[in-house]
């Protein structure tokens, strides 16, 4: 996942530079320990949908609430631009997303979870 993030950034495929998009980094002692991105959802072009992309936290930093902190910031930023956000999570991360209010989308292949945002203002 991180290699794909780097490749897509370098070749211009995904630079998180469209309206509402961003790429966040989480650092400890000047070392990057986690990343998480927010894109316009390319699979839902007819509505204001965002998509959580490349959410990753280094193995030794998991279980400390840092992934939650990162995803909460993504959600807070998404509210400004999007009415909902989707993600395609690995099965092991389902409970992580569900604890933060995401609903499981059992009938979809492209997205596993969705969070309906309350106060989209744009």
PDB file of N, CA and C in Angstrom:
ATOM      1  N   UNK A   1       0.820  -1.189   0.000  1.00  0.00           N
ATOM      2  CA  UNK A   1       0.000   0.000   0.000  1.00  0.00           C
ATOM      3  C   UNK A   1       0.871   1.263   0.000  1.00  0.00           C
ATOM      4  N   UNK A   2       1.899   1.275   0.829  1.00  0.00           N
ATOM      5  CA  UNK A   2       2.754   2.460   0.889  1.00  0.00           C
ATOM      6  C   UNK A   2       3.547   2.646  -0.399  1.00  0.00           C
ATOM      7  N   UNK A   3       3.956   1.550  -1.001  1.00  0.00           N
ATOM      8  CA  UNK A   3       4.664   1.650  -2.279  1.00  0.00           C
ATOM      9  C   UNK A   3       3.737   2.235  -3.353  1.00  0.00           C
ATOM     10  N   UNK A   4       2.474   1.796  -3.368  1.00  0.00           N
ATOM     11  CA  UNK A   4       1.506   2.324  -4.333  1.00  0.00           C
ATOM     12  C   UNK A   4       1.253   3.812  -4.082  1.00  0.00           C
ATOM     13  N   UNK A   5       1.152   4.204  -2.818  1.00  0.00           N
ATOM     14  CA  UNK A   5       0.994   5.616  -2.475  1.00  0.00           C
ATOM     15  C   UNK A   5       2.159   6.427  -3.024  1.00  0.00           C
ATOM     16  N   UNK A   6       3.376   5.967  -2.795  1.00  0.00           N
ATOM     17  CA  UNK A   6       4.565   6.655  -3.272  1.00  0.00           C
ATOM     18  C   UNK A   6       4.606   6.697  -4.800  1.00  0.00           C
ATOM     19  N   UNK A   7       4.338   5.561  -5.435  1.00  0.00           N
ATOM     20  CA  UNK A   7       4.346   5.512  -6.909  1.00  0.00           C
ATOM     21  C   UNK A   7       3.316   6.470  -7.494  1.00  0.00           C
ATOM     22  N   UNK A   8       2.106   6.452  -6.942  1.00  0.00           N
ATOM     23  CA  UNK A   8       1.039   7.314  -7.463  1.00  0.00           C
ATOM     24  C   UNK A   8       1.353   8.791  -7.255  1.00  0.00           C
ATOM     25  N   UNK A   9       2.007   9.117  -6.148  1.00  0.00           N
ATOM     26  CA  UNK A   9       2.398  10.504  -5.894  1.00  0.00           C
ATOM     27  C   UNK A   9       3.457  10.940  -6.912  1.00  0.00           C
ATOM     28  N   UNK A  10       4.466  10.105  -7.086  1.00  0.00           N
ATOM     29  CA  UNK A  10       5.576  10.462  -7.971  1.00  0.00           C
ATOM     30  C   UNK A  10       5.167  10.553  -9.436  1.00  0.00           C
ATOM     31  N   UNK A  11       4.240   9.676  -9.883  1.00  0.00           N
ATOM     32  CA  UNK A  11       3.846   9.718 -11.295  1.00  0.00           C
ATOM     33  C   UNK A  11       2.655  10.638 -11.554  1.00  0.00           C
ATOM     34  N   UNK A  12       2.140  11.282 -10.490  1.00  0.00           N
ATOM     35  CA  UNK A  12       1.064  12.257 -10.648  1.00  0.00           C
ATOM     36  C   UNK A  12      -0.332  11.663 -10.691  1.00  0.00           C
ATOM     37  N   UNK A  13      -0.459  10.345 -10.526  1.00  0.00           N
ATOM     38  CA  UNK A  13      -1.772   9.701 -10.546  1.00  0.00           C
ATOM     39  C   UNK A  13      -2.651  10.167  -9.393  1.00  0.00           C
ATOM     40  N   UNK A  14      -2.052  10.321  -8.217  1.00  0.00           N
ATOM     41  CA  UNK A  14      -2.798  10.780  -7.050  1.00  0.00           C
ATOM     42  C   UNK A  14      -1.889  11.626  -6.182  1.00  0.00           C
ATOM     43  N   UNK A  15      -2.067  12.949  -6.278  1.00  0.00           N
ATOM     44  CA  UNK A  15      -1.283  13.893  -5.478  1.00  0.00           C
ATOM     45  C   UNK A  15      -2.136  14.568  -4.404  1.00  0.00           C
ATOM     46  N   UNK A  16      -3.362  14.073  -4.206  1.00  0.00           N
ATOM     47  CA  UNK A  16      -4.249  14.613  -3.181  1.00  0.00           C
ATOM     48  C   UNK A  16      -4.385  16.125  -3.335  1.00  0.00           C
ATOM     49  N   UNK A  17      -4.584  16.578  -4.580  1.00  0.00           N
ATOM     50  CA  UNK A  17      -4.607  18.009  -4.848  1.00  0.00           C
ATOM     51  C   UNK A  17      -5.918  18.515  -5.435  1.00  0.00           C
ATOM     52  N   UNK A  18      -6.948  17.680  -5.460  1.00  0.00           N
ATOM     53  CA  UNK A  18      -8.258  18.139  -5.901  1.00  0.00           C
ATOM     54  C   UNK A  18      -8.986  18.771  -4.709  1.00  0.00           C
ATOM     55  N   UNK A  19     -10.027  19.561  -4.968  1.00  0.00           N
ATOM     56  CA  UNK A  19     -10.746  20.196  -3.858  1.00  0.00           C
ATOM     57  C   UNK A  19     -11.186  19.176  -2.799  1.00  0.00           C
ATOM     58  N   UNK A  20     -10.869  19.478  -1.559  1.00  0.00           N
ATOM     59  CA  UNK A  20     -11.239  18.623  -0.436  1.00  0.00           C
ATOM     60  C   UNK A  20     -10.254  17.513  -0.135  1.00  0.00           C
ATOM     61  N   UNK A  21      -9.261  17.322  -0.983  1.00  0.00           N
ATOM     62  CA  UNK A  21      -8.322  16.217  -0.791  1.00  0.00           C
ATOM     63  C   UNK A  21      -7.137  16.642   0.060  1.00  0.00           C
ATOM     64  N   UNK A  22      -6.560  15.664   0.750  1.00  0.00           N
ATOM     65  CA  UNK A  22      -5.343  15.911   1.527  1.00  0.00           C
ATOM     66  C   UNK A  22      -4.687  14.606   1.901  1.00  0.00           C
ATOM     67  N   UNK A  23      -3.417  14.695   2.167  1.00  0.00           N
ATOM     68  CA  UNK A  23      -2.638  13.569   2.659  1.00  0.00           C
ATOM     69  C   UNK A  23      -2.007  14.008   3.969  1.00  0.00           C
ATOM     70  N   UNK A  24      -2.256  13.252   5.025  1.00  0.00           N
ATOM     71  CA  UNK A  24      -1.756  13.578   6.351  1.00  0.00           C
ATOM     72  C   UNK A  24      -0.664  12.607   6.761  1.00  0.00           C
ATOM     73  N   UNK A  25       0.291  13.099   7.505  1.00  0.00           N
ATOM     74  CA  UNK A  25       1.342  12.258   8.066  1.00  0.00           C
ATOM     75  C   UNK A  25       1.342  12.388   9.573  1.00  0.00           C
ATOM     76  N   UNK A  26       1.651  11.304  10.230  1.00  0.00           N
ATOM     77  CA  UNK A  26       1.764  11.281  11.684  1.00  0.00           C
ATOM     78  C   UNK A  26       3.221  10.985  12.011  1.00  0.00           C
ATOM     79  N   UNK A  27       3.825  11.844  12.819  1.00  0.00           N
ATOM     80  CA  UNK A  27       5.254  11.754  13.095  1.00  0.00           C
ATOM     81  C   UNK A  27       5.522  11.552  14.579  1.00  0.00           C
ATOM     82  N   UNK A  28       6.605  10.846  14.864  1.00  0.00           N
ATOM     83  CA  UNK A  28       7.121  10.699  16.218  1.00  0.00           C
ATOM     84  C   UNK A  28       8.631  10.900  16.138  1.00  0.00           C
ATOM     85  N   UNK A  29       9.139  11.871  16.871  1.00  0.00           N
ATOM     86  CA  UNK A  29      10.588  12.176  16.852  1.00  0.00           C
ATOM     87  C   UNK A  29      11.105  12.341  15.426  1.00  0.00           C
ATOM     88  N   UNK A  30      10.378  13.098  14.626  1.00  0.00           N
ATOM     89  CA  UNK A  30      10.750  13.407  13.244  1.00  0.00           C
ATOM     90  C   UNK A  30      10.726  12.199  12.316  1.00  0.00           C
ATOM     91  N   UNK A  31      10.119  11.094  12.756  1.00  0.00           N
ATOM     92  CA  UNK A  31       9.993   9.899  11.919  1.00  0.00           C
ATOM     93  C   UNK A  31       8.527   9.707  11.549  1.00  0.00           C
ATOM     94  N   UNK A  32       8.269   9.480  10.266  1.00  0.00           N
ATOM     95  CA  UNK A  32       6.917   9.217   9.801  1.00  0.00           C
ATOM     96  C   UNK A  32       6.467   7.851  10.310  1.00  0.00           C
ATOM     97  N   UNK A  33       5.386   7.820  11.089  1.00  0.00           N
ATOM     98  CA  UNK A  33       4.903   6.560  11.648  1.00  0.00           C
ATOM     99  C   UNK A  33       3.525   6.173  11.115  1.00  0.00           C
ATOM    100  N   UNK A  34       2.846   7.116  10.449  1.00  0.00           N
ATOM    101  CA  UNK A  34       1.532   6.804   9.910  1.00  0.00           C
ATOM    102  C   UNK A  34       1.140   7.788   8.829  1.00  0.00           C
ATOM    103  N   UNK A  35       0.256   7.351   7.957  1.00  0.00           N
ATOM    104  CA  UNK A  35      -0.267   8.200   6.889  1.00  0.00           C
ATOM    105  C   UNK A  35      -1.757   7.922   6.727  1.00  0.00           C
ATOM    106  N   UNK A  36      -2.425   8.880   6.152  1.00  0.00           N
ATOM    107  CA  UNK A  36      -3.825   8.703   5.811  1.00  0.00           C
ATOM    108  C   UNK A  36      -4.236   9.777   4.838  1.00  0.00           C
ATOM    109  N   UNK A  37      -4.989   9.400   3.835  1.00  0.00           N
ATOM    110  CA  UNK A  37      -5.395  10.343   2.814  1.00  0.00           C
ATOM    111  C   UNK A  37      -6.894  10.435   2.667  1.00  0.00           C
ATOM    112  N   UNK A  38      -7.304  11.539   2.074  1.00  0.00           N
ATOM    113  CA  UNK A  38      -8.709  11.797   1.753  1.00  0.00           C
ATOM    114  C   UNK A  38      -8.769  12.250   0.308  1.00  0.00           C
ATOM    115  N   UNK A  39      -9.480  11.496  -0.502  1.00  0.00           N
ATOM    116  CA  UNK A  39      -9.675  11.826  -1.915  1.00  0.00           C
ATOM    117  C   UNK A  39     -11.148  12.032  -2.199  1.00  0.00           C
ATOM    118  N   UNK A  40     -11.433  12.688  -3.318  1.00  0.00           N
ATOM    119  CA  UNK A  40     -12.769  12.612  -3.880  1.00  0.00           C
ATOM    120  C   UNK A  40     -12.942  11.155  -4.293  1.00  0.00           C
ATOM    121  N   UNK A  41     -14.102  10.585  -4.026  1.00  0.00           N
ATOM    122  CA  UNK A  41     -14.305   9.172  -4.361  1.00  0.00           C
ATOM    123  C   UNK A  41     -14.512   9.031  -5.865  1.00  0.00           C
ATOM    124  N   UNK A  42     -13.578   8.395  -6.577  1.00  0.00           N
ATOM    125  CA  UNK A  42     -13.696   8.286  -8.032  1.00  0.00           C
ATOM    126  C   UNK A  42     -14.804   7.336  -8.480  1.00  0.00           C
ATOM    127  N   UNK A  43     -15.335   6.554  -7.567  1.00  0.00           N
ATOM    128  CA  UNK A  43     -16.380   5.597  -7.910  1.00  0.00           C
ATOM    129  C   UNK A  43     -17.783   6.167  -7.721  1.00  0.00           C
ATOM    130  N   UNK A  44     -17.892   7.374  -7.161  1.00  0.00           N
ATOM    131  CA  UNK A  44     -19.194   8.004  -6.911  1.00  0.00           C
ATOM    132  C   UNK A  44     -19.148   9.436  -7.418  1.00  0.00           C
ATOM    133  N   UNK A  45     -19.098   9.602  -8.705  1.00  0.00           N
ATOM    134  CA  UNK A  45     -18.926  10.929  -9.299  1.00  0.00           C
ATOM    135  C   UNK A  45     -20.185  11.785  -9.267  1.00  0.00           C
ATOM    136  N   UNK A  46     -21.325  11.202  -8.955  1.00  0.00           N
ATOM    137  CA  UNK A  46     -22.568  11.968  -8.999  1.00  0.00           C
ATOM    138  C   UNK A  46     -22.972  12.554  -7.651  1.00  0.00           C
ATOM    139  N   UNK A  47     -22.139  12.460  -6.643  1.00  0.00           N
ATOM    140  CA  UNK A  47     -22.461  13.057  -5.344  1.00  0.00           C
ATOM    141  C   UNK A  47     -21.182  13.512  -4.669  1.00  0.00           C
ATOM    142  N   UNK A  48     -21.334  14.224  -3.582  1.00  0.00           N
ATOM    143  CA  UNK A  48     -20.170  14.724  -2.845  1.00  0.00           C
ATOM    144  C   UNK A  48     -19.667  13.630  -1.904  1.00  0.00           C
ATOM    145  N   UNK A  49     -18.867  12.738  -2.462  1.00  0.00           N
ATOM    146  CA  UNK A  49     -18.356  11.609  -1.684  1.00  0.00           C
ATOM    147  C   UNK A  49     -16.836  11.683  -1.615  1.00  0.00           C
ATOM    148  N   UNK A  50     -16.328  11.480  -0.418  1.00  0.00           N
ATOM    149  CA  UNK A  50     -14.897  11.382  -0.210  1.00  0.00           C
ATOM    150  C   UNK A  50     -14.516   9.926  -0.011  1.00  0.00           C
ATOM    151  N   UNK A  51     -13.240   9.671  -0.015  1.00  0.00           N
ATOM    152  CA  UNK A  51     -12.757   8.305   0.160  1.00  0.00           C
ATOM    153  C   UNK A  51     -11.482   8.321   0.995  1.00  0.00           C
ATOM    154  N   UNK A  52     -11.465   7.532   2.063  1.00  0.00           N
ATOM    155  CA  UNK A  52     -10.267   7.361   2.879  1.00  0.00           C
ATOM    156  C   UNK A  52      -9.309   6.484   2.085  1.00  0.00           C
ATOM    157  N   UNK A  53      -8.068   6.961   1.950  1.00  0.00           N
ATOM    158  CA  UNK A  53      -7.086   6.230   1.159  1.00  0.00           C
ATOM    159  C   UNK A  53      -5.800   6.049   1.947  1.00  0.00           C
ATOM    160  N   UNK A  54      -5.194   4.894   1.799  1.00  0.00           N
ATOM    161  CA  UNK A  54      -3.847   4.618   2.308  1.00  0.00           C
ATOM    162  C   UNK A  54      -3.697   4.884   3.805  1.00  0.00           C
ATOM    163  N   UNK A  55      -4.708   4.554   4.582  1.00  0.00           N
ATOM    164  CA  UNK A  55      -4.587   4.719   6.028  1.00  0.00           C
ATOM    165  C   UNK A  55      -3.679   3.612   6.558  1.00  0.00           C
ATOM    166  N   UNK A  56      -2.573   4.027   7.133  1.00  0.00           N
ATOM    167  CA  UNK A  56      -1.577   3.060   7.596  1.00  0.00           C
ATOM    168  C   UNK A  56      -0.867   3.615   8.818  1.00  0.00           C
ATOM    169  N   UNK A  57      -0.641   2.742   9.788  1.00  0.00           N
ATOM    170  CA  UNK A  57       0.121   3.079  10.980  1.00  0.00           C
ATOM    171  C   UNK A  57       1.153   1.991  11.198  1.00  0.00           C
ATOM    172  N   UNK A  58       2.397   2.377  11.441  1.00  0.00           N
ATOM    173  CA  UNK A  58       3.454   1.410  11.684  1.00  0.00           C
ATOM    174  C   UNK A  58       3.060   0.408  12.758  1.00  0.00           C
ATOM    175  N   UNK A  59       3.454  -0.829  12.554  1.00  0.00           N
ATOM    176  CA  UNK A  59       3.055  -1.948  13.429  1.00  0.00           C
ATOM    177  C   UNK A  59       3.287  -1.657  14.907  1.00  0.00           C
ATOM    178  N   UNK A  60       4.439  -1.131  15.260  1.00  0.00           N
ATOM    179  CA  UNK A  60       4.756  -0.929  16.678  1.00  0.00           C
ATOM    180  C   UNK A  60       4.006   0.250  17.296  1.00  0.00           C
ATOM    181  N   UNK A  61       3.269   1.022  16.492  1.00  0.00           N
ATOM    182  CA  UNK A  61       2.505   2.155  17.014  1.00  0.00           C
ATOM    183  C   UNK A  61       1.005   1.862  17.087  1.00  0.00           C
ATOM    184  N   UNK A  62       0.617   0.662  16.739  1.00  0.00           N
ATOM    185  CA  UNK A  62      -0.803   0.297  16.763  1.00  0.00           C
ATOM    186  C   UNK A  62      -1.252   0.010  18.190  1.00  0.00           C
ATOM    187  N   UNK A  63      -2.540   0.187  18.432  1.00  0.00           N
ATOM    188  CA  UNK A  63      -3.106  -0.085  19.745  1.00  0.00           C
ATOM    189  C   UNK A  63      -2.909   1.046  20.747  1.00  0.00           C
ATOM    190  N   UNK A  64      -2.443   2.203  20.268  1.00  0.00           N
ATOM    191  CA  UNK A  64      -2.209   3.347  21.148  1.00  0.00           C
ATOM    192  C   UNK A  64      -3.222   4.473  20.912  1.00  0.00           C
ATOM    193  N   UNK A  65      -4.149   4.248  19.990  1.00  0.00           N
ATOM    194  CA  UNK A  65      -5.123   5.285  19.665  1.00  0.00           C
ATOM    195  C   UNK A  65      -4.656   6.248  18.586  1.00  0.00           C
ATOM    196  N   UNK A  66      -3.472   6.024  18.021  1.00  0.00           N
ATOM    197  CA  UNK A  66      -2.944   6.935  17.014  1.00  0.00           C
ATOM    198  C   UNK A  66      -3.675   6.807  15.675  1.00  0.00           C
ATOM    199  N   UNK A  67      -4.049   5.593  15.311  1.00  0.00           N
ATOM    200  CA  UNK A  67      -4.833   5.394  14.091  1.00  0.00           C
ATOM    201  C   UNK A  67      -6.190   6.078  14.207  1.00  0.00           C
ATOM    202  N   UNK A  68      -6.779   5.998  15.382  1.00  0.00           N
ATOM    203  CA  UNK A  68      -8.056   6.678  15.635  1.00  0.00           C
ATOM    204  C   UNK A  68      -7.875   8.181  15.493  1.00  0.00           C
ATOM    205  N   UNK A  69      -6.813   8.708  16.064  1.00  0.00           N
ATOM    206  CA  UNK A  69      -6.521  10.135  15.964  1.00  0.00           C
ATOM    207  C   UNK A  69      -6.387  10.567  14.506  1.00  0.00           C
ATOM    208  N   UNK A  70      -5.687   9.781  13.725  1.00  0.00           N
ATOM    209  CA  UNK A  70      -5.489  10.088  12.309  1.00  0.00           C
ATOM    210  C   UNK A  70      -6.807  10.047  11.547  1.00  0.00           C
ATOM    211  N   UNK A  71      -7.598   8.999  11.775  1.00  0.00           N
ATOM    212  CA  UNK A  71      -8.878   8.899  11.065  1.00  0.00           C
ATOM    213  C   UNK A  71      -9.853   9.977  11.526  1.00  0.00           C
ATOM    214  N   UNK A  72      -9.846  10.336  12.793  1.00  0.00           N
ATOM    215  CA  UNK A  72     -10.719  11.410  13.266  1.00  0.00           C
ATOM    216  C   UNK A  72     -10.377  12.736  12.597  1.00  0.00           C
ATOM    217  N   UNK A  73      -9.101  12.991  12.358  1.00  0.00           N
ATOM    218  CA  UNK A  73      -8.714  14.218  11.660  1.00  0.00           C
ATOM    219  C   UNK A  73      -9.196  14.182  10.212  1.00  0.00           C
ATOM    220  N   UNK A  74      -9.091  13.028   9.576  1.00  0.00           N
ATOM    221  CA  UNK A  74      -9.581  12.889   8.203  1.00  0.00           C
ATOM    222  C   UNK A  74     -11.079  13.154   8.160  1.00  0.00           C
ATOM    223  N   UNK A  75     -11.816  12.602   9.108  1.00  0.00           N
ATOM    224  CA  UNK A  75     -13.270  12.808   9.172  1.00  0.00           C
ATOM    225  C   UNK A  75     -13.576  14.286   9.386  1.00  0.00           C
ATOM    226  N   UNK A  76     -12.885  14.921  10.317  1.00  0.00           N
ATOM    227  CA  UNK A  76     -13.114  16.339  10.601  1.00  0.00           C
ATOM    228  C   UNK A  76     -12.884  17.187   9.353  1.00  0.00           C
ATOM    229  N   UNK A  77     -11.838  16.885   8.606  1.00  0.00           N
ATOM    230  CA  UNK A  77     -11.546  17.620   7.377  1.00  0.00           C
ATOM    231  C   UNK A  77     -12.568  17.310   6.285  1.00  0.00           C
ATOM    232  N   UNK A  78     -13.051  16.088   6.247  1.00  0.00           N
ATOM    233  CA  UNK A  78     -14.011  15.676   5.213  1.00  0.00           C
ATOM    234  C   UNK A  78     -15.344  16.386   5.353  1.00  0.00           C
ATOM    235  N   UNK A  79     -15.754  16.688   6.563  1.00  0.00           N
ATOM    236  CA  UNK A  79     -17.055  17.323   6.803  1.00  0.00           C
ATOM    237  C   UNK A  79     -17.182  18.626   6.030  1.00  0.00           C
ATOM    238  N   UNK A  80     -16.089  19.310   5.819  1.00  0.00           N
ATOM    239  CA  UNK A  80     -16.110  20.602   5.136  1.00  0.00           C
ATOM    240  C   UNK A  80     -16.503  20.442   3.658  1.00  0.00           C
ATOM    241  N   UNK A  81     -16.120  19.347   3.036  1.00  0.00           N
ATOM    242  CA  UNK A  81     -16.264  19.210   1.578  1.00  0.00           C
ATOM    243  C   UNK A  81     -17.209  18.100   1.118  1.00  0.00           C
ATOM    244  N   UNK A  82     -17.439  17.111   1.959  1.00  0.00           N
ATOM    245  CA  UNK A  82     -18.140  15.918   1.499  1.00  0.00           C
ATOM    246  C   UNK A  82     -19.373  15.615   2.345  1.00  0.00           C
ATOM    247  N   UNK A  83     -20.323  14.951   1.727  1.00  0.00           N
ATOM    248  CA  UNK A  83     -21.534  14.517   2.425  1.00  0.00           C
ATOM    249  C   UNK A  83     -21.362  13.127   3.035  1.00  0.00           C
ATOM    250  N   UNK A  84     -20.420  12.366   2.502  1.00  0.00           N
ATOM    251  CA  UNK A  84     -20.133  11.031   3.019  1.00  0.00           C
ATOM    252  C   UNK A  84     -18.714  10.661   2.643  1.00  0.00           C
ATOM    253  N   UNK A  85     -18.175   9.679   3.369  1.00  0.00           N
ATOM    254  CA  UNK A  85     -16.872   9.137   2.983  1.00  0.00           C
ATOM    255  C   UNK A  85     -16.944   7.613   2.987  1.00  0.00           C
ATOM    256  N   UNK A  86     -16.283   7.041   2.011  1.00  0.00           N
ATOM    257  CA  UNK A  86     -16.213   5.594   1.843  1.00  0.00           C
ATOM    258  C   UNK A  86     -14.783   5.122   2.069  1.00  0.00           C
ATOM    259  N   UNK A  87     -14.651   3.832   2.270  1.00  0.00           N
ATOM    260  CA  UNK A  87     -13.330   3.221   2.296  1.00  0.00           C
ATOM    261  C   UNK A  87     -13.449   1.770   1.860  1.00  0.00           C
ATOM    262  N   UNK A  88     -12.342   1.210   1.463  1.00  0.00           N
ATOM    263  CA  UNK A  88     -12.267  -0.220   1.172  1.00  0.00           C
ATOM    264  C   UNK A  88     -11.229  -0.793   2.132  1.00  0.00           C
ATOM    265  N   UNK A  89     -11.706  -1.281   3.251  1.00  0.00           N
ATOM    266  CA  UNK A  89     -10.827  -1.728   4.336  1.00  0.00           C
ATOM    267  C   UNK A  89     -10.558  -3.225   4.246  1.00  0.00           C
ATOM    268  N   UNK A  90      -9.374  -3.630   4.687  1.00  0.00           N
ATOM    269  CA  UNK A  90      -9.147  -5.069   4.832  1.00  0.00           C
ATOM    270  C   UNK A  90     -10.019  -5.594   5.971  1.00  0.00           C
ATOM    271  N   UNK A  91     -10.375  -6.850   5.904  1.00  0.00           N
ATOM    272  CA  UNK A  91     -11.285  -7.428   6.896  1.00  0.00           C
ATOM    273  C   UNK A  91     -10.797  -7.201   8.324  1.00  0.00           C
ATOM    274  N   UNK A  92      -9.486  -7.258   8.546  1.00  0.00           N
ATOM    275  CA  UNK A  92      -8.934  -7.069   9.886  1.00  0.00           C
ATOM    276  C   UNK A  92      -9.198  -5.674  10.441  1.00  0.00           C
ATOM    277  N   UNK A  93      -9.508  -4.695   9.579  1.00  0.00           N
ATOM    278  CA  UNK A  93      -9.746  -3.322  10.028  1.00  0.00           C
ATOM    279  C   UNK A  93     -11.233  -2.979  10.142  1.00  0.00           C
ATOM    280  N   UNK A  94     -12.120  -3.929   9.853  1.00  0.00           N
ATOM    281  CA  UNK A  94     -13.555  -3.633   9.905  1.00  0.00           C
ATOM    282  C   UNK A  94     -13.972  -3.049  11.247  1.00  0.00           C
ATOM    283  N   UNK A  95     -13.578  -3.674  12.352  1.00  0.00           N
ATOM    284  CA  UNK A  95     -14.025  -3.199  13.666  1.00  0.00           C
ATOM    285  C   UNK A  95     -13.445  -1.816  13.971  1.00  0.00           C
ATOM    286  N   UNK A  96     -12.250  -1.520  13.493  1.00  0.00           N
ATOM    287  CA  UNK A  96     -11.656  -0.197  13.677  1.00  0.00           C
ATOM    288  C   UNK A  96     -12.564   0.871  13.072  1.00  0.00           C
ATOM    289  N   UNK A  97     -12.957   0.684  11.826  1.00  0.00           N
ATOM    290  CA  UNK A  97     -13.820   1.656  11.157  1.00  0.00           C
ATOM    291  C   UNK A  97     -15.200   1.710  11.813  1.00  0.00           C
ATOM    292  N   UNK A  98     -15.734   0.572  12.174  1.00  0.00           N
ATOM    293  CA  UNK A  98     -17.069   0.529  12.765  1.00  0.00           C
ATOM    294  C   UNK A  98     -17.093   1.212  14.130  1.00  0.00           C
ATOM    295  N   UNK A  99     -16.030   1.123  14.900  1.00  0.00           N
ATOM    296  CA  UNK A  99     -15.954   1.846  16.186  1.00  0.00           C
ATOM    297  C   UNK A  99     -16.023   3.351  15.992  1.00  0.00           C
ATOM    298  N   UNK A 100     -15.612   3.823  14.834  1.00  0.00           N
ATOM    299  CA  UNK A 100     -15.631   5.262  14.553  1.00  0.00           C
ATOM    300  C   UNK A 100     -16.868   5.687  13.765  1.00  0.00           C
ATOM    301  N   UNK A 101     -17.867   4.815  13.708  1.00  0.00           N
ATOM    302  CA  UNK A 101     -19.151   5.195  13.135  1.00  0.00           C
ATOM    303  C   UNK A 101     -19.400   4.787  11.704  1.00  0.00           C
ATOM    304  N   UNK A 102     -18.438   4.160  11.046  1.00  0.00           N
ATOM    305  CA  UNK A 102     -18.633   3.699   9.673  1.00  0.00           C
ATOM    306  C   UNK A 102     -19.598   2.515   9.670  1.00  0.00           C
ATOM    307  N   UNK A 103     -20.443   2.476   8.663  1.00  0.00           N
ATOM    308  CA  UNK A 103     -21.381   1.374   8.491  1.00  0.00           C
ATOM    309  C   UNK A 103     -20.837   0.409   7.441  1.00  0.00           C
ATOM    310  N   UNK A 104     -20.949  -0.875   7.717  1.00  0.00           N
ATOM    311  CA  UNK A 104     -20.509  -1.899   6.785  1.00  0.00           C
ATOM    312  C   UNK A 104     -21.431  -1.917   5.564  1.00  0.00           C
ATOM    313  N   UNK A 105     -20.853  -2.001   4.377  1.00  0.00           N
ATOM    314  CA  UNK A 105     -21.605  -2.075   3.122  1.00  0.00           C
ATOM    315  C   UNK A 105     -21.465  -3.486   2.568  1.00  0.00           C
ATOM    316  N   UNK A 106     -22.287  -4.371   3.028  1.00  0.00           N
ATOM    317  CA  UNK A 106     -22.164  -5.783   2.675  1.00  0.00           C
ATOM    318  C   UNK A 106     -22.437  -6.055   1.202  1.00  0.00           C
ATOM    319  N   UNK A 107     -23.173  -5.186   0.539  1.00  0.00           N
ATOM    320  CA  UNK A 107     -23.597  -5.458  -0.834  1.00  0.00           C
ATOM    321  C   UNK A 107     -22.736  -4.781  -1.894  1.00  0.00           C
ATOM    322  N   UNK A 108     -21.573  -4.251  -1.529  1.00  0.00           N
ATOM    323  CA  UNK A 108     -20.740  -3.539  -2.495  1.00  0.00           C
ATOM    324  C   UNK A 108     -19.344  -4.151  -2.582  1.00  0.00           C
ATOM    325  N   UNK A 109     -18.775  -4.122  -3.770  1.00  0.00           N
ATOM    326  CA  UNK A 109     -17.414  -4.622  -3.963  1.00  0.00           C
ATOM    327  C   UNK A 109     -16.377  -3.511  -3.858  1.00  0.00           C
ATOM    328  N   UNK A 110     -16.736  -2.308  -4.255  1.00  0.00           N
ATOM    329  CA  UNK A 110     -15.789  -1.202  -4.333  1.00  0.00           C
ATOM    330  C   UNK A 110     -15.502  -0.590  -2.964  1.00  0.00           C
ATOM    331  N   UNK A 111     -16.499  -0.550  -2.108  1.00  0.00           N
ATOM    332  CA  UNK A 111     -16.348   0.025  -0.769  1.00  0.00           C
ATOM    333  C   UNK A 111     -16.839  -0.964   0.265  1.00  0.00           C
ATOM    334  N   UNK A 112     -16.130  -1.051   1.373  1.00  0.00           N
ATOM    335  CA  UNK A 112     -16.572  -1.928   2.459  1.00  0.00           C
ATOM    336  C   UNK A 112     -17.333  -1.158   3.534  1.00  0.00           C
ATOM    337  N   UNK A 113     -17.049   0.152   3.670  1.00  0.00           N
ATOM    338  CA  UNK A 113     -17.641   0.946   4.738  1.00  0.00           C
ATOM    339  C   UNK A 113     -17.940   2.373   4.274  1.00  0.00           C
ATOM    340  N   UNK A 114     -18.956   2.962   4.924  1.00  0.00           N
ATOM    341  CA  UNK A 114     -19.351   4.336   4.620  1.00  0.00           C
ATOM    342  C   UNK A 114     -19.682   5.064   5.907  1.00  0.00           C
ATOM    343  N   UNK A 115     -19.277   6.331   5.953  1.00  0.00           N
ATOM    344  CA  UNK A 115     -19.655   7.212   7.054  1.00  0.00           C
ATOM    345  C   UNK A 115     -20.428   8.370   6.467  1.00  0.00           C
ATOM    346  N   UNK A 116     -21.672   8.518   6.897  1.00  0.00           N
ATOM    347  CA  UNK A 116     -22.511   9.642   6.484  1.00  0.00           C
ATOM    348  C   UNK A 116     -22.088  10.843   7.321  1.00  0.00           C
ATOM    349  N   UNK A 117     -21.757  11.938   6.670  1.00  0.00           N
ATOM    350  CA  UNK A 117     -21.312  13.135   7.374  1.00  0.00           C
ATOM    351  C   UNK A 117     -22.483  14.094   7.557  1.00  0.00           C
ATOM    352  N   UNK A 118     -22.547  14.727   8.695  1.00  0.00           N
ATOM    353  CA  UNK A 118     -23.707  15.514   9.057  1.00  0.00           C
ATOM    354  C   UNK A 118     -23.656  16.931   8.513  1.00  0.00           C
ATOM    355  N   UNK A 119     -22.499  17.585   8.556  1.00  0.00           N
ATOM    356  CA  UNK A 119     -22.477  19.024   8.315  1.00  0.00           C
ATOM    357  C   UNK A 119     -21.665  19.429   7.098  1.00  0.00           C
ATOM    358  N   UNK A 120     -21.812  18.736   5.975  1.00  0.00           N
ATOM    359  CA  UNK A 120     -21.099  19.159   4.769  1.00  0.00           C
ATOM    360  C   UNK A 120     -21.597  20.539   4.388  1.00  0.00           C
ATOM    361  N   UNK A 121     -20.682  21.503   4.227  1.00  0.00           N
ATOM    362  CA  UNK A 121     -21.072  22.894   4.017  1.00  0.00           C
ATOM    363  C   UNK A 121     -20.829  23.403   2.608  1.00  0.00           C
ATOM    364  N   UNK A 122     -20.180  22.659   1.761  1.00  0.00           N
ATOM    365  CA  UNK A 122     -19.914  23.125   0.394  1.00  0.00           C
ATOM    366  C   UNK A 122     -20.647  22.276  -0.608  1.00  0.00           C
TER     367      UNK A 122
END
